[in-house]
Amino acid sequence: MIKIITDSTSDISLELAKEMNIEIVPLIVRVDGHEYKDRVELSPEEFYKRLEEKDLTPSTSQPSPQDFLKVYEKAKEAGDEILVITLSAEVSGTYQSAMIAKDLLEYDKIQVINSANATFGLRIIIEKALQLRNEGKTLEEIVSILEKYKEKVHIFALVDTLEYFYKGGRLSKTSATVGTLLKFKPVVGIKEGKLELFANCRGTRKSISKIIELIHETGDIDLQEPVCIGYTGNDEGLDKFEDLLKEEFHFDKAIHGIVGPVIGSHAGPGGRIIAFVRK
């Protein structure tokens, strides 16, 4: 059997991970002087509640190689082949930890993929890996397909503020200050594995229009592949966001979910996200 392992920034709930028969290695989030395993010891709902109640500056850190090694060893003992798919190496040391653990394991039936993506973009790649596993593809075949597939996975989001990205060291102070002072609804996304600010728009409707424009620029949505709609904080107004995108791109259904504490620490509440595979 091929054991699929990912990290908690895939934003797959623990319950769903069991249904999928995959393992999730949690990242760490620090809030108000306390340290928690992402989604294991701190739920998304509790995390955003704390952000609303207090003026907090959460921080995050990658799993240690030992965290990955424990999961690897369990799979090795079961005689499984191992496929690991992590958060983008450009924004986190999680991939590096996974690779160090691979070297420590000394096991030739393990492959580690840098997804070059995050949150629901990573989730889509995991969904593809599951599909390929269920089709009976070999580990080598799955890796070959995913390395090409991941280049077609895109994620765009509108956020309330760039303040959290700045505090987390993901954007410059200048970029964050301009967006905050002028009350923009920034549009961000992942490009070549890195966080990128695509536009500062005045108002939610203009931000959604910009996201639609960006999706067209990528080559539009492959309707044969999953589409994910996510949010940070609460889902108020998410239906309007989704309806406008459906009206333009005609996808019938989407995978929905809340972004977890680690990615939420950098995005802040009020985010609206679409992840998809381009044609």
C-alpha atoms as a PDB file:
ATOM      1  CA  MET A   1       0.000   0.000   0.000  1.00  0.00           C
ATOM      2  CA  ILE A   2       1.051   3.605  -0.591  1.00  0.00           C
ATOM      3  CA  LYS A   3       0.778   5.718   2.555  1.00  0.00           C
ATOM      4  CA  ILE A   4       0.111   9.374   1.718  1.00  0.00           C
ATOM      5  CA  ILE A   5       1.426  11.894   4.236  1.00  0.00           C
ATOM      6  CA  THR A   6       0.909  15.652   4.198  1.00  0.00           C
ATOM      7  CA  ASP A   7       1.059  18.523   6.677  1.00  0.00           C
ATOM      8  CA  SER A   8      -1.707  20.437   8.413  1.00  0.00           C
ATOM      9  CA  THR A   9      -1.583  23.381   6.014  1.00  0.00           C
ATOM     10  CA  SER A  10      -3.484  21.185   3.543  1.00  0.00           C
ATOM     11  CA  ASP A  11      -6.468  22.204   5.721  1.00  0.00           C
ATOM     12  CA  ILE A  12      -7.878  18.695   5.758  1.00  0.00           C
ATOM     13  CA  SER A  13      -9.730  18.031   9.015  1.00  0.00           C
ATOM     14  CA  LEU A  14      -8.554  15.183  11.230  1.00  0.00           C
ATOM     15  CA  GLU A  15     -11.862  13.386  10.675  1.00  0.00           C
ATOM     16  CA  LEU A  16     -11.565  13.617   6.897  1.00  0.00           C
ATOM     17  CA  ALA A  17      -7.937  12.484   7.016  1.00  0.00           C
ATOM     18  CA  LYS A  18      -9.092   9.241   8.632  1.00  0.00           C
ATOM     19  CA  GLU A  19     -11.683   8.734   5.908  1.00  0.00           C
ATOM     20  CA  MET A  20      -9.040   9.373   3.255  1.00  0.00           C
ATOM     21  CA  ASN A  21      -6.574   7.047   5.000  1.00  0.00           C
ATOM     22  CA  ILE A  22      -3.826   9.662   5.012  1.00  0.00           C
ATOM     23  CA  GLU A  23      -1.532  10.936   7.763  1.00  0.00           C
ATOM     24  CA  ILE A  24      -1.166  14.597   8.678  1.00  0.00           C
ATOM     25  CA  VAL A  25       1.885  16.073  10.394  1.00  0.00           C
ATOM     26  CA  PRO A  26       0.872  19.276  12.215  1.00  0.00           C
ATOM     27  CA  LEU A  27       2.741  22.549  12.120  1.00  0.00           C
ATOM     28  CA  ILE A  28       2.956  24.665  15.277  1.00  0.00           C
ATOM     29  CA  VAL A  29       1.040  27.867  16.027  1.00  0.00           C
ATOM     30  CA  ARG A  30       1.879  30.168  18.945  1.00  0.00           C
ATOM     31  CA  VAL A  31      -0.946  32.274  20.318  1.00  0.00           C
ATOM     32  CA  ASP A  32      -0.957  34.480  23.417  1.00  0.00           C
ATOM     33  CA  GLY A  33       2.155  32.846  24.883  1.00  0.00           C
ATOM     34  CA  HIS A  34       1.026  29.268  24.262  1.00  0.00           C
ATOM     35  CA  GLU A  35       2.122  26.727  21.654  1.00  0.00           C
ATOM     36  CA  TYR A  36      -0.328  24.408  19.885  1.00  0.00           C
ATOM     37  CA  LYS A  37      -0.258  21.702  17.254  1.00  0.00           C
ATOM     38  CA  ASP A  38      -2.208  23.041  14.289  1.00  0.00           C
ATOM     39  CA  ARG A  39      -5.795  21.670  14.246  1.00  0.00           C
ATOM     40  CA  VAL A  40      -4.856  19.000  16.816  1.00  0.00           C
ATOM     41  CA  GLU A  41      -4.684  21.161  19.938  1.00  0.00           C
ATOM     42  CA  LEU A  42      -6.282  24.315  18.512  1.00  0.00           C
ATOM     43  CA  SER A  43      -9.279  24.242  16.164  1.00  0.00           C
ATOM     44  CA  PRO A  44      -9.766  26.878  13.459  1.00  0.00           C
ATOM     45  CA  GLU A  45     -12.963  28.097  15.131  1.00  0.00           C
ATOM     46  CA  GLU A  46     -11.262  28.628  18.506  1.00  0.00           C
ATOM     47  CA  PHE A  47      -8.277  30.279  16.851  1.00  0.00           C
ATOM     48  CA  TYR A  48     -10.333  32.911  15.004  1.00  0.00           C
ATOM     49  CA  LYS A  49     -12.445  33.506  18.098  1.00  0.00           C
ATOM     50  CA  ARG A  50      -9.284  34.415  20.006  1.00  0.00           C
ATOM     51  CA  LEU A  51      -8.141  36.720  17.208  1.00  0.00           C
ATOM     52  CA  GLU A  52     -11.454  38.601  17.417  1.00  0.00           C
ATOM     53  CA  GLU A  53     -11.393  38.860  21.217  1.00  0.00           C
ATOM     54  CA  LYS A  54      -7.792  40.036  21.578  1.00  0.00           C
ATOM     55  CA  ASP A  55      -5.224  41.978  19.590  1.00  0.00           C
ATOM     56  CA  LEU A  56      -2.960  38.981  19.067  1.00  0.00           C
ATOM     57  CA  THR A  57       0.082  38.458  16.873  1.00  0.00           C
ATOM     58  CA  PRO A  58       0.226  34.697  16.294  1.00  0.00           C
ATOM     59  CA  SER A  59       3.357  33.039  14.954  1.00  0.00           C
ATOM     60  CA  THR A  60       4.029  29.666  13.398  1.00  0.00           C
ATOM     61  CA  SER A  61       6.805  27.133  12.942  1.00  0.00           C
ATOM     62  CA  GLN A  62       7.439  24.034  10.887  1.00  0.00           C
ATOM     63  CA  PRO A  63       7.319  20.468  12.197  1.00  0.00           C
ATOM     64  CA  SER A  64      10.656  18.989  13.229  1.00  0.00           C
ATOM     65  CA  PRO A  65      12.275  16.179  11.222  1.00  0.00           C
ATOM     66  CA  GLN A  66      11.472  13.934  14.184  1.00  0.00           C
ATOM     67  CA  ASP A  67       7.762  14.699  13.784  1.00  0.00           C
ATOM     68  CA  PHE A  68       7.909  13.371  10.235  1.00  0.00           C
ATOM     69  CA  LEU A  69      10.202  10.496  11.167  1.00  0.00           C
ATOM     70  CA  LYS A  70       7.695   9.078  13.656  1.00  0.00           C
ATOM     71  CA  VAL A  71       5.043   8.862  10.940  1.00  0.00           C
ATOM     72  CA  TYR A  72       7.514   7.459   8.416  1.00  0.00           C
ATOM     73  CA  GLU A  73       8.647   4.714  10.774  1.00  0.00           C
ATOM     74  CA  LYS A  74       5.070   3.628  11.403  1.00  0.00           C
ATOM     75  CA  ALA A  75       4.447   3.328   7.651  1.00  0.00           C
ATOM     76  CA  LYS A  76       7.748   1.517   7.105  1.00  0.00           C
ATOM     77  CA  GLU A  77       6.918  -1.016   9.817  1.00  0.00           C
ATOM     78  CA  ALA A  78       3.607  -1.690   8.050  1.00  0.00           C
ATOM     79  CA  GLY A  79       5.508  -2.366   4.828  1.00  0.00           C
ATOM     80  CA  ASP A  80       3.985   0.630   3.062  1.00  0.00           C
ATOM     81  CA  GLU A  81       5.510   2.731   0.351  1.00  0.00           C
ATOM     82  CA  ILE A  82       5.475   6.399   1.385  1.00  0.00           C
ATOM     83  CA  LEU A  83       4.421   9.522  -0.523  1.00  0.00           C
ATOM     84  CA  VAL A  84       4.896  12.850   1.271  1.00  0.00           C
ATOM     85  CA  ILE A  85       3.432  16.103  -0.098  1.00  0.00           C
ATOM     86  CA  THR A  86       4.225  19.301   1.789  1.00  0.00           C
ATOM     87  CA  LEU A  87       3.536  23.003   1.940  1.00  0.00           C
ATOM     88  CA  SER A  88       5.614  25.056  -0.516  1.00  0.00           C
ATOM     89  CA  ALA A  89       9.311  25.024   0.297  1.00  0.00           C
ATOM     90  CA  GLU A  90       9.412  28.714  -0.662  1.00  0.00           C
ATOM     91  CA  VAL A  91       7.315  29.776   2.343  1.00  0.00           C
ATOM     92  CA  SER A  92       8.189  27.196   4.999  1.00  0.00           C
ATOM     93  CA  GLY A  93      10.915  24.814   6.146  1.00  0.00           C
ATOM     94  CA  THR A  94       8.350  21.998   6.333  1.00  0.00           C
ATOM     95  CA  TYR A  95       9.615  20.398   3.108  1.00  0.00           C
ATOM     96  CA  GLN A  96      13.189  20.533   4.425  1.00  0.00           C
ATOM     97  CA  SER A  97      12.128  18.786   7.649  1.00  0.00           C
ATOM     98  CA  ALA A  98      10.394  16.090   5.597  1.00  0.00           C
ATOM     99  CA  MET A  99      13.561  15.592   3.521  1.00  0.00           C
ATOM    100  CA  ILE A 100      15.829  15.392   6.567  1.00  0.00           C
ATOM    101  CA  ALA A 101      13.513  12.749   8.049  1.00  0.00           C
ATOM    102  CA  LYS A 102      13.683  10.829   4.760  1.00  0.00           C
ATOM    103  CA  ASP A 103      17.486  10.752   4.969  1.00  0.00           C
ATOM    104  CA  LEU A 104      17.315   9.564   8.577  1.00  0.00           C
ATOM    105  CA  LEU A 105      14.883   6.775   7.688  1.00  0.00           C
ATOM    106  CA  GLU A 106      17.173   5.111   5.128  1.00  0.00           C
ATOM    107  CA  TYR A 107      14.228   3.611   3.242  1.00  0.00           C
ATOM    108  CA  ASP A 108      14.142   3.447  -0.545  1.00  0.00           C
ATOM    109  CA  LYS A 109      10.344   3.304  -0.812  1.00  0.00           C
ATOM    110  CA  ILE A 110       9.733   6.956   0.043  1.00  0.00           C
ATOM    111  CA  GLN A 111       9.219  10.035  -2.137  1.00  0.00           C
ATOM    112  CA  VAL A 112       8.797  13.644  -0.975  1.00  0.00           C
ATOM    113  CA  ILE A 113       7.120  16.292  -3.148  1.00  0.00           C
ATOM    114  CA  ASN A 114       7.292  20.054  -2.658  1.00  0.00           C
ATOM    115  CA  SER A 115       3.745  21.076  -3.614  1.00  0.00           C
ATOM    116  CA  ALA A 116       4.804  24.676  -4.380  1.00  0.00           C
ATOM    117  CA  ASN A 117       1.368  25.496  -2.956  1.00  0.00           C
ATOM    118  CA  ALA A 118      -0.568  25.965   0.279  1.00  0.00           C
ATOM    119  CA  THR A 119      -3.925  25.406   1.955  1.00  0.00           C
ATOM    120  CA  PHE A 120      -6.600  24.377  -0.588  1.00  0.00           C
ATOM    121  CA  GLY A 121      -4.092  24.311  -3.431  1.00  0.00           C
ATOM    122  CA  LEU A 122      -2.221  21.642  -1.477  1.00  0.00           C
ATOM    123  CA  ARG A 123      -5.574  19.967  -0.751  1.00  0.00           C
ATOM    124  CA  ILE A 124      -6.269  19.611  -4.486  1.00  0.00           C
ATOM    125  CA  ILE A 125      -2.879  17.939  -5.016  1.00  0.00           C
ATOM    126  CA  ILE A 126      -3.659  15.508  -2.180  1.00  0.00           C
ATOM    127  CA  GLU A 127      -7.019  14.724  -3.798  1.00  0.00           C
ATOM    128  CA  LYS A 128      -5.210  13.905  -7.062  1.00  0.00           C
ATOM    129  CA  ALA A 129      -2.735  11.669  -5.232  1.00  0.00           C
ATOM    130  CA  LEU A 130      -5.647   9.760  -3.676  1.00  0.00           C
ATOM    131  CA  GLN A 131      -7.292   9.333  -7.062  1.00  0.00           C
ATOM    132  CA  LEU A 132      -4.076   7.983  -8.578  1.00  0.00           C
ATOM    133  CA  ARG A 133      -3.528   5.634  -5.636  1.00  0.00           C
ATOM    134  CA  ASN A 134      -7.062   4.302  -6.019  1.00  0.00           C
ATOM    135  CA  GLU A 135      -6.441   3.759  -9.726  1.00  0.00           C
ATOM    136  CA  GLY A 136      -3.561   1.461  -8.832  1.00  0.00           C
ATOM    137  CA  LYS A 137      -0.727   3.679 -10.086  1.00  0.00           C
ATOM    138  CA  THR A 138       2.758   2.899  -8.755  1.00  0.00           C
ATOM    139  CA  LEU A 139       4.571   5.306  -6.449  1.00  0.00           C
ATOM    140  CA  GLU A 140       6.883   6.354  -9.288  1.00  0.00           C
ATOM    141  CA  GLU A 141       3.949   6.928 -11.639  1.00  0.00           C
ATOM    142  CA  ILE A 142       2.114   9.050  -9.050  1.00  0.00           C
ATOM    143  CA  VAL A 143       5.174  11.215  -8.407  1.00  0.00           C
ATOM    144  CA  SER A 144       5.740  11.758 -12.136  1.00  0.00           C
ATOM    145  CA  ILE A 145       2.113  12.797 -12.675  1.00  0.00           C
ATOM    146  CA  LEU A 146       1.953  15.053  -9.606  1.00  0.00           C
ATOM    147  CA  GLU A 147       5.151  16.927 -10.477  1.00  0.00           C
ATOM    148  CA  LYS A 148       3.453  18.092 -13.685  1.00  0.00           C
ATOM    149  CA  TYR A 149      -0.032  18.418 -12.175  1.00  0.00           C
ATOM    150  CA  LYS A 150       1.078  20.728  -9.366  1.00  0.00           C
ATOM    151  CA  GLU A 151       2.179  23.334 -11.918  1.00  0.00           C
ATOM    152  CA  LYS A 152      -1.455  23.696 -13.004  1.00  0.00           C
ATOM    153  CA  VAL A 153      -2.825  24.237  -9.471  1.00  0.00           C
ATOM    154  CA  HIS A 154      -3.567  27.863  -8.594  1.00  0.00           C
ATOM    155  CA  ILE A 155      -4.898  29.675  -5.560  1.00  0.00           C
ATOM    156  CA  PHE A 156      -6.162  33.250  -5.270  1.00  0.00           C
ATOM    157  CA  ALA A 157      -7.663  35.022  -2.276  1.00  0.00           C
ATOM    158  CA  LEU A 158      -9.031  38.346  -1.187  1.00  0.00           C
ATOM    159  CA  VAL A 159      -8.137  39.350   2.367  1.00  0.00           C
ATOM    160  CA  ASP A 160      -9.247  42.078   4.741  1.00  0.00           C
ATOM    161  CA  THR A 161      -5.749  43.281   5.546  1.00  0.00           C
ATOM    162  CA  LEU A 162      -2.096  42.617   4.777  1.00  0.00           C
ATOM    163  CA  GLU A 163      -1.138  43.291   8.389  1.00  0.00           C
ATOM    164  CA  TYR A 164      -0.898  39.601   9.304  1.00  0.00           C
ATOM    165  CA  PHE A 165       1.253  38.803   6.262  1.00  0.00           C
ATOM    166  CA  TYR A 166       3.619  41.600   7.284  1.00  0.00           C
ATOM    167  CA  LYS A 167       3.773  40.520  10.933  1.00  0.00           C
ATOM    168  CA  GLY A 168       4.489  36.974   9.798  1.00  0.00           C
ATOM    169  CA  GLY A 169       7.343  38.167   7.585  1.00  0.00           C
ATOM    170  CA  ARG A 170       5.584  37.258   4.328  1.00  0.00           C
ATOM    171  CA  LEU A 171       5.250  40.790   2.897  1.00  0.00           C
ATOM    172  CA  SER A 172       7.149  44.071   3.223  1.00  0.00           C
ATOM    173  CA  LYS A 173       5.980  46.780   5.605  1.00  0.00           C
ATOM    174  CA  THR A 174       5.413  49.139   2.653  1.00  0.00           C
ATOM    175  CA  SER A 175       3.023  46.741   0.906  1.00  0.00           C
ATOM    176  CA  ALA A 176       1.117  46.068   4.105  1.00  0.00           C
ATOM    177  CA  THR A 177       0.864  49.720   5.148  1.00  0.00           C
ATOM    178  CA  VAL A 178      -0.449  50.960   1.801  1.00  0.00           C
ATOM    179  CA  GLY A 179      -3.188  48.340   1.712  1.00  0.00           C
ATOM    180  CA  THR A 180      -4.242  48.970   5.307  1.00  0.00           C
ATOM    181  CA  LEU A 181      -4.263  52.783   5.242  1.00  0.00           C
ATOM    182  CA  LEU A 182      -6.271  53.025   2.034  1.00  0.00           C
ATOM    183  CA  LYS A 183      -8.830  50.385   3.127  1.00  0.00           C
ATOM    184  CA  PHE A 184      -8.103  48.146   0.169  1.00  0.00           C
ATOM    185  CA  LYS A 185      -9.250  44.540  -0.213  1.00  0.00           C
ATOM    186  CA  PRO A 186      -5.945  43.021  -1.345  1.00  0.00           C
ATOM    187  CA  VAL A 187      -5.821  40.074  -3.754  1.00  0.00           C
ATOM    188  CA  VAL A 188      -3.039  37.600  -3.012  1.00  0.00           C
ATOM    189  CA  GLY A 189      -2.041  34.176  -4.240  1.00  0.00           C
ATOM    190  CA  ILE A 190       0.773  31.711  -4.733  1.00  0.00           C
ATOM    191  CA  LYS A 191       3.081  32.135  -7.723  1.00  0.00           C
ATOM    192  CA  GLU A 192       6.060  29.821  -8.267  1.00  0.00           C
ATOM    193  CA  GLY A 193       5.669  28.673  -4.684  1.00  0.00           C
ATOM    194  CA  LYS A 194       5.824  32.162  -3.181  1.00  0.00           C
ATOM    195  CA  LEU A 195       3.176  34.465  -1.737  1.00  0.00           C
ATOM    196  CA  GLU A 196       2.430  37.292  -4.154  1.00  0.00           C
ATOM    197  CA  LEU A 197       0.351  40.451  -3.850  1.00  0.00           C
ATOM    198  CA  PHE A 198      -1.491  40.728  -7.168  1.00  0.00           C
ATOM    199  CA  ALA A 199      -3.621  43.805  -6.554  1.00  0.00           C
ATOM    200  CA  ASN A 200      -5.040  46.266  -4.036  1.00  0.00           C
ATOM    201  CA  CYS A 201      -8.712  46.775  -4.869  1.00  0.00           C
ATOM    202  CA  ARG A 202     -11.282  49.128  -3.399  1.00  0.00           C
ATOM    203  CA  GLY A 203     -14.091  46.918  -2.185  1.00  0.00           C
ATOM    204  CA  THR A 204     -14.969  43.240  -2.257  1.00  0.00           C
ATOM    205  CA  ARG A 205     -16.688  43.312  -5.653  1.00  0.00           C
ATOM    206  CA  LYS A 206     -13.620  44.756  -7.357  1.00  0.00           C
ATOM    207  CA  SER A 207     -11.409  42.187  -5.616  1.00  0.00           C
ATOM    208  CA  ILE A 208     -13.586  39.364  -6.928  1.00  0.00           C
ATOM    209  CA  SER A 209     -13.467  40.901 -10.410  1.00  0.00           C
ATOM    210  CA  LYS A 210      -9.672  40.931 -10.168  1.00  0.00           C
ATOM    211  CA  ILE A 211      -9.638  37.272  -9.142  1.00  0.00           C
ATOM    212  CA  ILE A 212     -11.847  36.447 -12.140  1.00  0.00           C
ATOM    213  CA  GLU A 213      -9.413  38.328 -14.380  1.00  0.00           C
ATOM    214  CA  LEU A 214      -6.447  36.431 -12.903  1.00  0.00           C
ATOM    215  CA  ILE A 215      -8.175  33.075 -13.412  1.00  0.00           C
ATOM    216  CA  HIS A 216      -8.783  33.913 -17.070  1.00  0.00           C
ATOM    217  CA  GLU A 217      -5.109  34.835 -17.394  1.00  0.00           C
ATOM    218  CA  THR A 218      -4.050  31.402 -16.120  1.00  0.00           C
ATOM    219  CA  GLY A 219      -6.147  29.679 -18.795  1.00  0.00           C
ATOM    220  CA  ASP A 220      -9.456  29.236 -16.937  1.00  0.00           C
ATOM    221  CA  ILE A 221     -10.669  26.386 -14.717  1.00  0.00           C
ATOM    222  CA  ASP A 222     -10.525  22.703 -15.661  1.00  0.00           C
ATOM    223  CA  LEU A 223     -14.053  21.631 -14.719  1.00  0.00           C
ATOM    224  CA  GLN A 224     -12.990  17.964 -14.638  1.00  0.00           C
ATOM    225  CA  GLU A 225     -10.813  18.676 -11.588  1.00  0.00           C
ATOM    226  CA  PRO A 226     -11.744  19.768  -8.044  1.00  0.00           C
ATOM    227  CA  VAL A 227     -12.504  23.389  -7.201  1.00  0.00           C
ATOM    228  CA  CYS A 228     -12.080  24.494  -3.580  1.00  0.00           C
ATOM    229  CA  ILE A 229     -13.735  27.470  -1.916  1.00  0.00           C
ATOM    230  CA  GLY A 230     -12.361  28.391   1.497  1.00  0.00           C
ATOM    231  CA  TYR A 231     -12.429  31.138   4.075  1.00  0.00           C
ATOM    232  CA  THR A 232     -10.704  32.502   7.151  1.00  0.00           C
ATOM    233  CA  GLY A 233     -12.636  33.641  10.211  1.00  0.00           C
ATOM    234  CA  ASN A 234     -16.339  33.207   9.460  1.00  0.00           C
ATOM    235  CA  ASP A 235     -18.110  32.319   6.231  1.00  0.00           C
ATOM    236  CA  GLU A 236     -20.343  35.400   6.092  1.00  0.00           C
ATOM    237  CA  GLY A 237     -20.614  36.492   2.466  1.00  0.00           C
ATOM    238  CA  LEU A 238     -18.887  33.378   1.169  1.00  0.00           C
ATOM    239  CA  ASP A 239     -21.959  32.364  -0.838  1.00  0.00           C
ATOM    240  CA  LYS A 240     -21.846  35.664  -2.759  1.00  0.00           C
ATOM    241  CA  PHE A 241     -18.142  35.139  -3.481  1.00  0.00           C
ATOM    242  CA  GLU A 242     -18.826  31.618  -4.735  1.00  0.00           C
ATOM    243  CA  ASP A 243     -21.909  32.589  -6.752  1.00  0.00           C
ATOM    244  CA  LEU A 244     -20.011  35.242  -8.714  1.00  0.00           C
ATOM    245  CA  LEU A 245     -17.256  32.756  -9.533  1.00  0.00           C
ATOM    246  CA  LYS A 246     -19.762  30.061 -10.531  1.00  0.00           C
ATOM    247  CA  GLU A 247     -21.571  32.545 -12.745  1.00  0.00           C
ATOM    248  CA  GLU A 248     -18.344  33.220 -14.608  1.00  0.00           C
ATOM    249  CA  PHE A 249     -16.768  29.765 -14.734  1.00  0.00           C
ATOM    250  CA  HIS A 250     -19.776  27.419 -14.496  1.00  0.00           C
ATOM    251  CA  PHE A 251     -18.425  24.882 -12.003  1.00  0.00           C
ATOM    252  CA  ASP A 252     -21.294  22.912 -10.421  1.00  0.00           C
ATOM    253  CA  LYS A 253     -19.903  22.122  -6.996  1.00  0.00           C
ATOM    254  CA  ALA A 254     -16.911  22.856  -4.845  1.00  0.00           C
ATOM    255  CA  ILE A 255     -15.069  21.494  -1.856  1.00  0.00           C
ATOM    256  CA  HIS A 256     -15.616  23.896   1.056  1.00  0.00           C
ATOM    257  CA  GLY A 257     -13.569  24.427   4.172  1.00  0.00           C
ATOM    258  CA  ILE A 258     -12.097  26.753   6.741  1.00  0.00           C
ATOM    259  CA  VAL A 259      -8.424  27.686   6.674  1.00  0.00           C
ATOM    260  CA  GLY A 260      -6.599  26.438   9.760  1.00  0.00           C
ATOM    261  CA  PRO A 261      -4.651  28.366  12.403  1.00  0.00           C
ATOM    262  CA  VAL A 262      -1.224  28.224  10.692  1.00  0.00           C
ATOM    263  CA  ILE A 263      -2.233  29.774   7.367  1.00  0.00           C
ATOM    264  CA  GLY A 264      -4.816  31.895   9.214  1.00  0.00           C
ATOM    265  CA  SER A 265      -1.996  33.389  11.296  1.00  0.00           C
ATOM    266  CA  HIS A 266      -0.618  34.972   8.128  1.00  0.00           C
ATOM    267  CA  ALA A 267      -3.874  35.725   6.285  1.00  0.00           C
ATOM    268  CA  GLY A 268      -5.977  36.951   9.216  1.00  0.00           C
ATOM    269  CA  PRO A 269      -9.790  36.717   9.370  1.00  0.00           C
ATOM    270  CA  GLY A 270     -12.057  37.781   6.503  1.00  0.00           C
ATOM    271  CA  GLY A 271     -10.288  35.902   3.725  1.00  0.00           C
ATOM    272  CA  ARG A 272     -12.113  34.351   0.737  1.00  0.00           C
ATOM    273  CA  ILE A 273     -10.227  31.771  -1.320  1.00  0.00           C
ATOM    274  CA  ILE A 274     -10.519  29.817  -4.535  1.00  0.00           C
ATOM    275  CA  ALA A 275      -8.167  27.000  -5.532  1.00  0.00           C
ATOM    276  CA  PHE A 276      -8.456  25.242  -8.870  1.00  0.00           C
ATOM    277  CA  VAL A 277      -6.644  23.428 -11.664  1.00  0.00           C
ATOM    278  CA  ARG A 278      -6.175  25.368 -14.881  1.00  0.00           C
ATOM    279  CA  LYS A 279      -7.157  23.900 -18.232  1.00  0.00           C
END
